[in-house]
Protein backbone atom coordinates (compact mmCIF):
# COMPACT_ATOMS: atom_id res chain seq x y z
CA MET A 1 117.00 112.32 74.75
CA PHE A 2 119.38 114.21 77.11
CA LEU A 3 117.96 114.92 80.70
CA LYS A 4 119.21 117.75 82.97
CA LYS A 5 121.10 116.41 85.78
CA PRO A 6 119.88 117.58 89.05
CA LEU A 7 121.58 120.08 91.26
CA MET A 8 120.47 118.43 94.59
CA LYS A 9 119.19 115.10 95.67
CA ARG A 10 115.45 114.84 96.44
CA ARG A 11 115.87 114.74 100.05
CA THR A 12 118.19 117.42 100.98
CA PHE A 13 118.62 118.91 104.33
CA LEU A 14 119.90 122.35 105.76
CA ARG A 15 121.76 121.61 108.97
CA GLY A 16 123.08 123.99 111.87
CA THR A 17 123.10 124.20 115.56
CA LEU A 18 120.60 126.25 117.49
CA ALA A 19 121.96 128.60 120.54
CA GLY A 20 125.09 126.15 120.42
CA VAL A 21 122.99 123.42 122.17
CA SER A 22 121.31 121.29 119.58
CA THR A 23 121.65 120.15 116.00
CA VAL A 24 118.81 121.31 113.76
CA ALA A 25 117.77 119.89 110.11
CA VAL A 26 115.38 121.83 108.05
CA GLY A 27 113.96 119.71 105.21
CA LEU A 28 113.40 121.16 101.67
CA PRO A 29 110.71 120.77 99.40
CA ALA A 30 110.65 119.11 95.94
CA LEU A 31 112.49 121.83 93.75
CA ASP A 32 112.65 122.10 90.15
CA ALA A 33 116.81 121.57 90.69
CA MET A 34 115.77 118.01 91.73
CA LEU A 35 113.83 117.14 88.71
CA ASP A 36 114.15 116.74 84.97
CA GLU A 37 112.61 118.70 82.38
CA ASN A 38 109.32 116.89 82.71
CA GLY A 39 108.91 117.71 86.41
CA LYS A 40 109.79 113.74 87.45
CA ALA A 41 112.64 113.37 89.64
CA LEU A 42 115.51 111.55 88.28
CA GLY A 43 117.05 108.00 89.33
CA GLN A 44 116.30 106.67 92.86
CA ASP A 45 115.16 109.94 93.98
CA THR A 46 111.56 109.71 92.75
CA ILE A 47 108.54 112.04 93.65
CA PRO A 48 107.53 109.67 96.65
CA ASP A 49 104.28 107.85 97.22
CA ARG A 50 102.50 108.62 100.66
CA PHE A 51 99.76 106.71 102.59
CA GLY A 52 97.78 108.33 105.14
CA LEU A 53 94.81 107.24 107.67
CA TRP A 54 92.45 110.23 108.77
CA PHE A 55 89.93 108.52 111.45
CA PHE A 56 86.89 110.06 113.15
CA GLY A 57 84.58 108.15 115.63
CA ASN A 58 81.03 107.77 115.82
CA GLY A 59 80.03 107.57 112.20
CA VAL A 60 77.98 109.72 110.43
CA LYS A 61 74.03 110.37 109.17
CA PRO A 62 73.84 108.44 106.32
CA ASP A 63 70.81 109.88 104.61
CA ARG A 64 72.77 113.28 104.65
CA TRP A 65 76.26 111.57 103.87
CA ILE A 66 75.72 109.67 100.72
CA PRO A 67 76.10 111.79 97.65
CA GLY A 68 72.90 112.25 95.41
CA THR A 69 74.77 111.41 92.02
CA GLU A 70 77.38 108.25 91.24
CA GLY A 71 80.03 108.29 89.25
CA ALA A 72 82.59 111.08 88.05
CA GLY A 73 81.71 114.48 89.63
CA TRP A 74 79.43 113.21 92.49
CA THR A 75 77.11 116.12 93.81
CA PRO A 76 78.29 116.83 97.74
CA SER A 77 75.72 115.86 100.19
CA ALA A 78 74.92 117.84 103.19
CA GLU A 79 77.85 116.32 105.42
CA LEU A 80 80.13 116.20 102.65
CA ALA A 81 79.73 119.72 101.48
CA PRO A 82 82.93 121.05 103.20
CA LEU A 83 85.10 119.01 100.74
CA GLU A 84 83.74 120.77 97.80
CA GLY A 85 86.95 122.56 97.36
CA VAL A 86 89.01 118.98 96.90
CA ARG A 87 86.28 117.03 95.39
CA ASP A 88 88.02 116.48 92.27
CA TRP A 89 90.89 114.56 94.74
CA VAL A 90 88.20 112.78 96.84
CA SER A 91 86.32 109.33 95.82
CA VAL A 92 83.37 108.41 97.95
CA VAL A 93 82.59 104.78 98.70
CA THR A 94 79.01 103.58 99.90
CA GLY A 95 77.21 100.39 100.25
CA CYS A 96 79.68 98.58 101.85
CA GLU A 97 79.77 96.93 105.21
CA ILE A 98 81.83 95.13 107.78
CA LYS A 99 82.14 91.27 107.22
CA THR A 100 84.21 90.35 110.57
CA ALA A 101 81.71 90.65 113.27
CA THR A 102 78.93 92.82 114.46
CA HIS A 103 79.87 94.28 118.12
CA PRO A 104 79.29 97.94 118.62
CA HIS A 105 82.37 100.13 117.83
CA HIS A 106 84.75 97.14 118.43
CA SER A 107 84.00 95.17 115.13
CA GLY A 108 83.91 98.39 112.93
CA MET A 109 87.25 99.66 114.09
CA THR A 110 89.12 96.59 113.62
CA GLY A 111 87.10 95.52 110.54
CA VAL A 112 87.92 98.34 108.63
CA LEU A 113 91.48 98.88 109.76
CA THR A 114 92.78 95.29 109.69
CA GLY A 115 90.10 93.43 107.61
CA SER A 116 90.10 91.11 110.76
CA ARG A 117 87.92 90.59 113.59
CA TYR A 118 88.87 92.02 117.02
CA HIS A 119 91.09 90.25 119.44
CA GLN A 120 88.75 89.84 122.60
CA LEU A 121 90.70 90.29 126.04
CA GLY A 122 87.90 90.07 128.45
CA THR A 123 84.54 91.69 129.57
CA THR A 124 83.77 94.86 131.41
CA ARG A 125 80.29 96.02 132.50
CA ASP A 126 77.84 95.04 129.68
CA THR A 127 80.25 94.99 126.74
CA ILE A 128 83.78 93.55 125.80
CA VAL A 129 87.67 94.56 126.06
CA THR A 130 89.54 94.14 122.63
CA THR A 131 92.59 94.84 120.94
CA PHE A 132 93.56 94.60 117.33
CA ALA A 133 94.42 91.15 115.97
CA GLY A 134 97.13 92.32 113.65
CA PRO A 135 98.72 95.84 112.28
CA SER A 136 96.53 98.70 111.20
CA VAL A 137 96.55 99.84 107.71
CA ASP A 138 98.91 102.76 108.37
CA MET A 139 101.24 100.44 109.71
CA ILE A 140 101.07 98.00 106.69
CA ALA A 141 102.05 101.24 104.64
CA ALA A 142 104.91 101.91 106.90
CA ALA A 143 106.46 98.78 106.62
CA HIS A 144 106.53 99.02 102.84
CA PHE A 145 108.26 102.33 103.02
CA GLU A 146 110.66 101.77 105.97
CA GLY A 147 113.91 102.90 105.38
CA SER A 148 113.21 105.50 102.80
CA THR A 149 112.53 108.43 105.23
CA PRO A 150 113.90 109.68 108.68
CA PHE A 151 110.54 108.79 110.36
CA ARG A 152 108.93 105.34 109.60
CA SER A 153 105.27 106.59 110.35
CA LEU A 154 103.77 109.68 112.25
CA GLU A 155 101.09 109.44 114.42
CA LEU A 156 99.01 112.77 115.38
CA GLY A 157 95.97 113.14 117.69
CA ILE A 158 93.54 116.05 117.56
CA THR A 159 90.75 115.29 120.26
CA ARG A 160 91.54 113.60 123.35
CA PHE A 161 90.59 110.11 124.49
CA ARG A 162 87.53 110.47 126.62
CA GLY A 163 86.03 107.02 126.44
CA THR A 164 85.58 104.05 128.39
CA ASP A 165 88.00 100.88 129.77
CA GLU A 166 87.22 98.80 126.50
CA GLY A 167 90.69 98.14 125.35
CA THR A 168 93.17 99.71 123.20
CA THR A 169 90.53 99.34 120.16
CA PHE A 170 88.78 102.58 121.73
CA GLN A 171 91.68 104.38 122.93
CA HIS A 172 94.22 104.04 119.97
CA LEU A 173 94.23 104.30 116.17
CA SER A 174 97.67 103.15 115.05
CA HIS A 175 98.56 99.27 116.07
CA ASN A 176 101.16 96.75 115.42
CA GLY A 177 99.24 93.95 116.71
CA PRO A 178 97.55 93.25 119.86
CA ASN A 179 98.07 95.51 122.57
CA ASN A 180 101.08 96.87 120.67
CA VAL A 181 100.08 100.51 120.06
CA ASN A 182 101.89 103.69 118.30
CA PRO A 183 100.35 106.51 120.58
CA SER A 184 99.52 109.51 118.87
CA GLU A 185 101.08 112.73 119.59
CA TYR A 186 98.87 115.39 121.01
CA SER A 187 101.26 118.29 121.42
CA PRO A 188 102.11 120.34 118.37
CA ASN A 189 105.24 121.85 120.21
CA ARG A 190 106.48 118.35 120.81
CA LEU A 191 105.88 117.25 117.19
CA PHE A 192 107.59 120.37 116.01
CA MET A 193 110.61 119.80 118.06
CA ARG A 194 110.74 115.99 116.85
CA LEU A 195 110.42 116.74 113.06
CA PHE A 196 113.36 119.39 113.24
CA GLY A 197 115.77 117.56 115.37
CA MET A 198 115.41 119.24 118.48
CA PRO A 199 115.89 117.25 121.68
CA LEU A 200 112.94 117.19 123.60
CA ASP A 201 114.61 117.92 126.77
CA SER A 202 116.54 120.84 125.45
CA ASP A 203 116.12 124.25 127.45
CA VAL A 204 116.39 126.27 124.31
CA ASP A 205 113.33 128.69 124.35
CA LEU A 206 111.40 128.35 121.21
CA ALA A 207 109.58 131.75 121.66
CA ARG A 208 113.00 133.40 121.00
CA ARG A 209 114.71 131.12 118.89
CA SER A 210 114.32 129.85 115.28
CA VAL A 211 115.57 126.58 113.38
CA LEU A 212 115.41 128.96 110.61
CA ASP A 213 118.30 131.30 112.17
CA ALA A 214 120.46 128.23 112.44
CA VAL A 215 120.85 127.48 108.73
CA MET A 216 119.81 131.14 107.36
CA GLY A 217 123.55 131.26 105.82
CA GLN A 218 122.72 127.96 103.81
CA VAL A 219 119.46 129.19 102.88
CA ARG A 220 121.01 132.32 101.27
CA GLY A 221 123.34 130.30 99.46
CA LEU A 222 120.73 127.80 97.88
CA GLN A 223 118.58 130.59 96.79
CA GLY A 224 121.61 131.75 94.66
CA ARG A 225 122.24 128.57 93.27
CA VAL A 226 118.33 127.87 91.92
CA GLY A 227 116.16 129.46 89.69
CA SER A 228 113.28 131.91 90.12
CA ARG A 229 110.45 129.36 90.50
CA ASP A 230 112.64 127.51 92.95
CA ARG A 231 113.38 130.53 95.11
CA ALA A 232 109.77 131.18 95.09
CA ARG A 233 109.19 127.81 96.24
CA LEU A 234 111.77 128.02 99.11
CA GLU A 235 110.47 131.36 100.15
CA GLN A 236 107.03 130.00 100.31
CA HIS A 237 108.36 126.90 102.16
CA PHE A 238 110.55 128.61 104.82
CA GLU A 239 107.61 130.94 105.56
CA SER A 240 105.31 128.07 106.31
CA VAL A 241 107.96 126.87 108.84
CA ARG A 242 108.40 130.38 110.33
CA THR A 243 104.76 130.82 110.80
CA LEU A 244 104.39 127.46 112.59
CA GLU A 245 107.19 128.52 114.79
CA GLN A 246 105.56 131.58 115.61
CA ARG A 247 102.30 130.14 116.34
CA LEU A 248 103.79 127.38 118.27
CA ALA A 249 105.94 130.03 120.37
CA ALA A 250 103.05 132.14 120.91
CA GLY A 251 101.15 129.06 122.61
CA VAL A 252 104.09 128.21 125.15
CA SER A 253 104.53 131.91 126.12
CA ALA A 254 100.87 132.65 126.45
CA CYS A 255 99.39 129.45 127.48
CA MET A 256 101.62 127.24 130.06
CA GLU A 257 104.97 127.42 131.75
CA PRO A 258 108.03 127.17 129.47
CA ALA A 259 109.06 124.39 131.64
CA ASN A 260 106.11 122.21 130.61
CA PRO A 261 105.09 123.26 127.04
CA GLY A 262 102.38 122.07 125.20
CA ASP A 263 99.62 123.81 122.67
CA PHE A 264 95.99 125.03 122.95
CA PRO A 265 95.15 124.16 126.38
CA ASP A 266 91.39 123.62 127.20
CA VAL A 267 89.61 127.15 127.55
CA GLU A 268 87.07 126.78 130.37
CA GLY A 269 87.20 122.96 129.66
CA ARG A 270 86.69 123.19 126.11
CA GLU A 271 89.42 121.53 123.67
CA GLN A 272 90.50 124.20 121.20
CA ILE A 273 89.70 121.95 118.22
CA GLU A 274 90.01 123.97 115.20
CA GLN A 275 93.65 125.23 116.42
CA GLN A 276 95.06 122.28 117.34
CA ASN A 277 93.85 120.90 113.93
CA ARG A 278 95.50 123.56 112.08
CA ALA A 279 98.57 123.30 113.90
CA MET A 280 98.98 119.55 113.52
CA SER A 281 97.77 119.68 109.95
CA ASP A 282 100.29 122.44 109.12
CA LEU A 283 103.11 120.37 110.46
CA LEU A 284 102.09 117.12 108.76
CA VAL A 285 102.06 118.83 105.72
CA THR A 286 105.52 120.20 106.07
CA ALA A 287 106.73 116.73 107.17
CA LEU A 288 105.33 115.11 103.96
CA ALA A 289 106.79 117.95 101.92
CA CYS A 290 110.24 117.47 103.50
CA ASP A 291 109.85 113.74 103.02
CA LEU A 292 110.52 113.26 106.35
CA THR A 293 107.72 110.38 106.42
CA ARG A 294 105.86 108.46 103.92
CA SER A 295 102.98 106.91 106.38
CA PHE A 296 101.00 108.70 108.81
CA SER A 297 97.80 108.53 110.75
CA VAL A 298 95.39 111.44 112.15
CA LEU A 299 93.26 110.07 114.94
CA PHE A 300 90.80 113.34 114.79
CA SER A 301 88.43 111.53 117.56
CA PRO A 302 88.83 107.89 118.71
CA ALA A 303 86.21 105.20 118.56
CA GLY A 304 83.35 105.95 120.61
CA SER A 305 84.56 109.39 121.12
CA GLY A 306 83.34 111.56 124.11
CA VAL A 307 84.62 114.78 122.52
CA VAL A 308 82.27 117.58 122.89
CA VAL A 309 81.86 119.31 119.62
CA TRP A 310 81.05 122.70 121.41
CA PRO A 311 81.62 124.80 118.16
CA VAL A 312 78.20 123.52 116.68
CA GLY A 313 76.34 123.87 120.43
CA ALA A 314 76.98 120.38 121.95
CA ARG A 315 76.99 120.33 125.67
CA ASN A 316 77.44 116.54 126.00
CA SER A 317 79.81 113.94 124.69
CA LEU A 318 79.33 113.10 120.95
CA HIS A 319 79.00 109.32 121.90
CA GLN A 320 76.28 110.23 124.21
CA ILE A 321 74.24 112.50 122.02
CA CYS A 322 74.61 109.99 119.35
CA HIS A 323 72.39 107.78 121.72
CA ASP A 324 70.23 110.12 123.27
CA GLU A 325 69.32 112.95 120.78
CA PRO A 326 65.78 112.36 118.99
CA ASN A 327 66.07 111.84 115.13
CA PRO A 328 67.01 113.58 112.67
CA GLN A 329 69.80 114.25 115.08
CA PRO A 330 70.61 117.71 114.14
CA THR A 331 73.53 118.42 116.58
CA VAL A 332 75.18 114.88 115.51
CA HIS A 333 74.79 116.17 112.03
CA ALA A 334 76.27 119.08 112.79
CA ALA A 335 79.19 117.57 114.39
CA VAL A 336 79.95 115.59 111.05
CA VAL A 337 79.99 118.42 109.05
CA PHE A 338 82.51 120.57 111.38
CA THR A 339 84.68 117.18 111.63
CA MET A 340 84.53 117.54 107.77
CA GLU A 341 85.50 121.13 107.89
CA GLN A 342 88.60 120.05 109.62
CA LEU A 343 89.47 117.43 107.22
CA ALA A 344 88.86 119.73 104.31
CA TYR A 345 91.43 122.12 105.83
CA PHE A 346 94.12 119.54 105.86
CA LEU A 347 93.33 118.11 102.43
CA GLU A 348 93.31 121.84 101.05
CA ARG A 349 96.71 122.22 102.49
CA MET A 350 97.96 119.07 100.53
CA ARG A 351 96.22 120.47 97.41
CA ASP A 352 98.12 123.86 97.74
CA THR A 353 101.43 122.41 98.31
CA VAL A 354 103.14 122.07 94.97
CA GLU A 355 105.59 119.40 94.10
CA GLY A 356 107.05 118.51 91.08
CA ASP A 357 104.40 118.45 88.23
CA GLY A 358 101.74 118.19 90.85
CA THR A 359 100.90 118.55 94.60
CA LEU A 360 101.44 116.54 97.83
CA LEU A 361 97.50 115.50 97.57
CA ASP A 362 98.42 114.43 93.73
CA HIS A 363 101.09 111.94 95.18
CA SER A 364 99.27 110.60 98.11
CA SER A 365 96.55 108.11 99.00
CA ILE A 366 94.50 108.76 102.30
CA LEU A 367 92.14 106.47 103.62
CA ILE A 368 89.23 108.46 105.69
CA THR A 369 86.85 106.61 107.78
CA SER A 370 85.04 105.86 111.13
CA GLU A 371 84.22 103.01 113.10
CA LEU A 372 80.42 103.17 112.53
CA ALA A 373 78.05 103.81 109.69
CA ASP A 374 75.60 105.50 112.31
CA GLY A 375 76.25 106.26 115.77
CA TRP A 376 72.63 105.99 116.77
CA ASN A 377 71.96 102.31 115.96
CA HIS A 378 75.64 101.15 115.84
CA SER A 379 75.37 100.26 112.36
CA ASN A 380 78.00 98.52 110.36
CA ARG A 381 76.24 98.99 106.86
CA GLU A 382 76.47 101.86 104.73
CA PHE A 383 79.99 102.60 106.23
CA PRO A 384 81.56 106.14 105.43
CA LEU A 385 84.70 105.52 103.20
CA LEU A 386 86.47 108.30 101.44
CA VAL A 387 89.69 107.73 99.45
CA ALA A 388 91.43 111.30 98.93
CA GLY A 389 94.40 111.75 96.62
CA ARG A 390 95.50 110.67 93.29
CA GLY A 391 98.04 108.22 94.34
CA ASN A 392 100.88 109.35 91.62
CA GLY A 393 98.32 108.49 88.93
CA ARG A 394 97.05 105.41 90.34
CA LEU A 395 93.66 106.83 91.74
CA ARG A 396 91.33 108.81 89.58
CA GLY A 397 89.79 111.37 92.41
CA GLY A 398 86.46 112.74 92.36
CA VAL A 399 84.16 109.63 91.86
CA HIS A 400 81.20 108.06 93.76
CA TYR A 401 81.25 104.44 93.81
CA ARG A 402 78.27 102.63 95.43
CA SER A 403 78.32 99.03 95.92
CA ARG A 404 75.17 97.14 94.76
CA SER A 405 75.88 93.98 96.83
CA ASN A 406 76.99 95.11 100.35
CA GLU A 407 80.57 94.35 99.37
CA SER A 408 83.21 94.44 102.15
CA THR A 409 84.79 97.79 103.28
CA SER A 410 88.22 95.96 102.61
CA HIS A 411 87.84 96.43 98.91
CA ALA A 412 87.96 100.09 99.59
CA VAL A 413 90.94 99.69 101.96
CA LEU A 414 92.90 97.63 99.39
CA THR A 415 92.62 100.24 96.86
CA ALA A 416 93.83 103.04 99.09
CA LEU A 417 96.81 100.67 99.75
CA ARG A 418 97.45 100.19 96.11
CA GLY A 419 96.81 103.89 95.59
CA ALA A 420 100.12 104.29 97.68
CA GLY A 421 101.95 101.84 95.41
CA LEU A 422 101.81 98.77 97.93
CA PRO A 423 102.20 95.53 95.57
CA LEU A 424 99.48 93.93 97.84
CA GLU A 425 97.64 90.66 96.46
CA SER A 426 94.97 90.90 99.33
CA PHE A 427 94.03 92.73 102.37
CA GLY A 428 92.09 91.29 105.56
CA THR A 429 91.74 87.74 106.85
CA GLU A 430 88.79 85.30 106.72
CA ALA A 431 85.50 86.99 106.24
CA GLY A 432 87.16 90.29 105.94
CA GLN A 433 89.81 89.03 103.23
CA VAL A 434 89.49 90.48 99.55
CA THR A 435 91.71 90.28 96.75
CA SER A 436 90.40 92.89 94.41
CA SER A 437 90.05 96.85 94.54
CA ILE A 438 87.57 99.02 93.16
CA GLY A 439 88.71 99.49 89.86
CA ALA A 440 86.23 102.61 89.19
CA LEU A 441 88.44 104.53 91.75
CA GLU A 442 91.58 103.56 89.96
CA GLY A 443 93.26 105.54 87.23
């Protein structure tokens, strides 16, 4: 069978200079010109696998989290209702627990993300100080994909750390090992400049310059070489980049001095959570579409998070409300719903980004979890676990799997890793080690 020869490689960049100061590179999405007649990429330039970790602190309310039905086409619960639009791409795992230890926050955080017990460094007040004993799950994926993209991994943060002095376990998500962290980037401006090749110390004013202007001649030439579908896709892609530029530039000019850029500062002491989440989500989707990275983590809120979820009426930190609010804890519940709304925005952007014969969400495997089942009693049972995406056909999506034997959370983690194409025989150590994934979730 004759296959057409692609006009360009899967990862192609348009390059230019901005204001004569710095070199910029603008990546391209997957185009028909890069693919064969079936929408698949040729040779070694395959449509890539991606692995992601999306984390939120303080758990959920299990009685309002667990779907009412099992199997395919699960019925959204009150707290998972925001994910209705991407339900066919999201599988829910319930009935699992952490097997490695039972210390509040610490055991859940390290147990789910490494499959191992925390590494204790000492004590403080009435609790302990810990770090991760091994690499977090996103770094396991990053090692697998290493060398295939310009960025080994991307670590993004949405709400800031407002916790206590209990070690890196509380403050950071991505770990290479004990006390060796990959700090999350909280500035959309800095992330944008990093992704598009502009030096962080450049004096180019982003409010008046555009990376697209630097490559516009190449854009016009490329549009003349490809078909109508590719032209439409390029226009959509570059419009997304332009929109990001305008949003971030507006943040620079309106919120702070140009010499100290950053986005969405607190307004009257309140974090601009939704704006931050949208900007970071848009940037991450663009980076994935351009194949700038294949491994990422999003720290929506840290373990034991002190974020004040003011959009739902909270006046105190979420961590404290989990302890103090009488059951049925309506504010905690509303905060979980709000968090899932922010996750839904990201997943919907992934779903709506066409790539080859599918979408970014079709070609990704994303683990979504917390460090507790219920922040009120610090439970590590009925752990909240979601596996989003279809892993290039390895994952079914849209399934509620409920364990009847209190299985380890490591089974869900191994499922997500294998869904991203990692040929792993096991995940975790000692009590947290498993060798089997969850077959019901796999394609």
